[in-house]
């Protein structure tokens, strides 16, 4: 699991949040962004879960215009974060590469 801090601009204020990559399978990543600012928690939610596949986020429905603006700001920060867009991979070679090494 990769954890990092992201910074994003929302309503003219720079906010920070903790972002955690929970899953990385076949290019799909599940990212949880947890806010630590009381303003965002009281007016929106404490955390959001995003699914990122091939540098595109899955659509989120049922949110208001202001919340949609917040989500877009957070998603933009995720895509700009080198830690989250390309998390470190396991150093061990997978089975296919080991087979190729010995052939």
C-alpha atoms as a PDB file:
ATOM      1  CA  UNK A   1       0.000   0.000   0.000  1.00  0.00           C
ATOM      2  CA  UNK A   2       1.340   3.398  -1.011  1.00  0.00           C
ATOM      3  CA  UNK A   3       0.407   6.376   1.163  1.00  0.00           C
ATOM      4  CA  UNK A   4       1.211   9.974   0.352  1.00  0.00           C
ATOM      5  CA  UNK A   5      -0.026  13.486   0.997  1.00  0.00           C
ATOM      6  CA  UNK A   6      -1.662  15.377  -1.847  1.00  0.00           C
ATOM      7  CA  UNK A   7      -2.292  19.103  -2.135  1.00  0.00           C
ATOM      8  CA  UNK A   8      -5.175  20.504  -4.142  1.00  0.00           C
ATOM      9  CA  UNK A   9      -6.773  23.872  -4.800  1.00  0.00           C
ATOM     10  CA  UNK A  10     -10.466  24.225  -3.965  1.00  0.00           C
ATOM     11  CA  UNK A  11     -12.372  27.524  -3.717  1.00  0.00           C
ATOM     12  CA  UNK A  12      -9.106  29.460  -3.749  1.00  0.00           C
ATOM     13  CA  UNK A  13      -7.638  27.566  -0.777  1.00  0.00           C
ATOM     14  CA  UNK A  14      -4.889  24.945  -0.876  1.00  0.00           C
ATOM     15  CA  UNK A  15      -5.956  21.856   1.094  1.00  0.00           C
ATOM     16  CA  UNK A  16      -4.008  18.718   1.943  1.00  0.00           C
ATOM     17  CA  UNK A  17      -5.268  15.162   2.298  1.00  0.00           C
ATOM     18  CA  UNK A  18      -3.865  11.677   2.807  1.00  0.00           C
ATOM     19  CA  UNK A  19      -4.139   9.400  -0.222  1.00  0.00           C
ATOM     20  CA  UNK A  20      -3.809   5.595  -0.035  1.00  0.00           C
ATOM     21  CA  UNK A  21      -3.526   3.174  -2.969  1.00  0.00           C
ATOM     22  CA  UNK A  22      -5.334   0.036  -1.818  1.00  0.00           C
ATOM     23  CA  UNK A  23      -5.183  -2.125  -4.913  1.00  0.00           C
ATOM     24  CA  UNK A  24      -3.143  -2.271  -8.087  1.00  0.00           C
ATOM     25  CA  UNK A  25      -4.316  -5.081 -10.374  1.00  0.00           C
ATOM     26  CA  UNK A  26      -4.047  -5.042 -14.156  1.00  0.00           C
ATOM     27  CA  UNK A  27      -3.562  -1.286 -14.246  1.00  0.00           C
ATOM     28  CA  UNK A  28      -6.570  -0.603 -12.006  1.00  0.00           C
ATOM     29  CA  UNK A  29      -5.973   1.283  -8.764  1.00  0.00           C
ATOM     30  CA  UNK A  30      -8.353   1.978  -5.912  1.00  0.00           C
ATOM     31  CA  UNK A  31      -7.397   5.175  -4.142  1.00  0.00           C
ATOM     32  CA  UNK A  32      -8.866   6.408  -0.871  1.00  0.00           C
ATOM     33  CA  UNK A  33      -8.461  10.097  -0.130  1.00  0.00           C
ATOM     34  CA  UNK A  34      -9.025  11.012   3.515  1.00  0.00           C
ATOM     35  CA  UNK A  35      -9.549  14.652   4.453  1.00  0.00           C
ATOM     36  CA  UNK A  36      -8.118  16.054   7.662  1.00  0.00           C
ATOM     37  CA  UNK A  37      -9.719  19.497   7.395  1.00  0.00           C
ATOM     38  CA  UNK A  38     -12.871  20.010   9.433  1.00  0.00           C
ATOM     39  CA  UNK A  39     -14.382  22.299   6.767  1.00  0.00           C
ATOM     40  CA  UNK A  40     -14.248  19.581   4.093  1.00  0.00           C
ATOM     41  CA  UNK A  41     -15.427  16.850   6.469  1.00  0.00           C
ATOM     42  CA  UNK A  42     -18.421  18.900   7.690  1.00  0.00           C
ATOM     43  CA  UNK A  43     -19.501  20.117   4.233  1.00  0.00           C
ATOM     44  CA  UNK A  44     -18.754  17.008   2.182  1.00  0.00           C
ATOM     45  CA  UNK A  45     -17.400  13.659   3.377  1.00  0.00           C
ATOM     46  CA  UNK A  46     -14.476  12.444   5.443  1.00  0.00           C
ATOM     47  CA  UNK A  47     -13.098  10.331   2.607  1.00  0.00           C
ATOM     48  CA  UNK A  48     -13.647   9.454  -1.051  1.00  0.00           C
ATOM     49  CA  UNK A  49     -12.844   6.240  -2.873  1.00  0.00           C
ATOM     50  CA  UNK A  50     -11.748   6.558  -6.498  1.00  0.00           C
ATOM     51  CA  UNK A  51     -11.079   3.907  -9.110  1.00  0.00           C
ATOM     52  CA  UNK A  52      -8.344   4.775 -11.591  1.00  0.00           C
ATOM     53  CA  UNK A  53      -7.909   2.705 -14.753  1.00  0.00           C
ATOM     54  CA  UNK A  54      -5.460   3.676 -17.499  1.00  0.00           C
ATOM     55  CA  UNK A  55      -5.135   7.238 -16.170  1.00  0.00           C
ATOM     56  CA  UNK A  56      -8.937   7.761 -16.162  1.00  0.00           C
ATOM     57  CA  UNK A  57     -11.236   7.808 -13.165  1.00  0.00           C
ATOM     58  CA  UNK A  58     -14.507   5.911 -12.966  1.00  0.00           C
ATOM     59  CA  UNK A  59     -17.508   8.231 -13.059  1.00  0.00           C
ATOM     60  CA  UNK A  60     -19.077   9.407  -9.802  1.00  0.00           C
ATOM     61  CA  UNK A  61     -22.803  10.128  -9.848  1.00  0.00           C
ATOM     62  CA  UNK A  62     -25.208  11.818  -7.483  1.00  0.00           C
ATOM     63  CA  UNK A  63     -23.089  14.713  -6.275  1.00  0.00           C
ATOM     64  CA  UNK A  64     -23.838  18.418  -6.329  1.00  0.00           C
ATOM     65  CA  UNK A  65     -22.000  21.002  -8.396  1.00  0.00           C
ATOM     66  CA  UNK A  66     -19.713  22.157  -5.571  1.00  0.00           C
ATOM     67  CA  UNK A  67     -18.865  18.569  -4.566  1.00  0.00           C
ATOM     68  CA  UNK A  68     -18.162  17.730  -8.208  1.00  0.00           C
ATOM     69  CA  UNK A  69     -15.687  20.649  -8.311  1.00  0.00           C
ATOM     70  CA  UNK A  70     -13.998  19.276  -5.168  1.00  0.00           C
ATOM     71  CA  UNK A  71     -13.757  15.793  -6.680  1.00  0.00           C
ATOM     72  CA  UNK A  72     -12.225  17.149  -9.886  1.00  0.00           C
ATOM     73  CA  UNK A  73      -9.609  19.082  -7.885  1.00  0.00           C
ATOM     74  CA  UNK A  74      -8.675  15.989  -5.874  1.00  0.00           C
ATOM     75  CA  UNK A  75      -8.507  13.784  -8.977  1.00  0.00           C
ATOM     76  CA  UNK A  76      -6.269  16.300 -10.723  1.00  0.00           C
ATOM     77  CA  UNK A  77      -3.919  16.261  -7.712  1.00  0.00           C
ATOM     78  CA  UNK A  78      -3.840  12.454  -7.776  1.00  0.00           C
ATOM     79  CA  UNK A  79      -2.874  12.391 -11.457  1.00  0.00           C
ATOM     80  CA  UNK A  80      -0.106  14.939 -10.814  1.00  0.00           C
ATOM     81  CA  UNK A  81       1.315  13.003  -7.859  1.00  0.00           C
ATOM     82  CA  UNK A  82       4.224  10.774  -8.958  1.00  0.00           C
ATOM     83  CA  UNK A  83       3.685   8.513  -5.923  1.00  0.00           C
ATOM     84  CA  UNK A  84       0.074   7.732  -6.824  1.00  0.00           C
ATOM     85  CA  UNK A  85       0.096   7.701 -10.592  1.00  0.00           C
ATOM     86  CA  UNK A  86       2.993   5.204 -10.705  1.00  0.00           C
ATOM     87  CA  UNK A  87       3.370   3.470  -7.330  1.00  0.00           C
ATOM     88  CA  UNK A  88       6.498   1.321  -6.850  1.00  0.00           C
ATOM     89  CA  UNK A  89       6.127  -2.196  -8.124  1.00  0.00           C
ATOM     90  CA  UNK A  90       7.173  -5.385  -6.408  1.00  0.00           C
ATOM     91  CA  UNK A  91      10.896  -5.938  -6.939  1.00  0.00           C
ATOM     92  CA  UNK A  92      10.524  -9.699  -7.397  1.00  0.00           C
ATOM     93  CA  UNK A  93      10.177 -10.832 -11.012  1.00  0.00           C
ATOM     94  CA  UNK A  94       6.884 -12.470 -11.833  1.00  0.00           C
ATOM     95  CA  UNK A  95       6.696 -16.087 -12.964  1.00  0.00           C
ATOM     96  CA  UNK A  96       6.697 -15.266 -16.691  1.00  0.00           C
ATOM     97  CA  UNK A  97       9.879 -13.196 -16.496  1.00  0.00           C
ATOM     98  CA  UNK A  98      11.640 -15.918 -14.473  1.00  0.00           C
ATOM     99  CA  UNK A  99      10.730 -18.459 -17.127  1.00  0.00           C
ATOM    100  CA  UNK A 100      12.095 -16.198 -19.856  1.00  0.00           C
ATOM    101  CA  UNK A 101      15.338 -15.732 -17.924  1.00  0.00           C
ATOM    102  CA  UNK A 102      16.030 -19.471 -17.881  1.00  0.00           C
ATOM    103  CA  UNK A 103      15.118 -20.286 -21.467  1.00  0.00           C
END
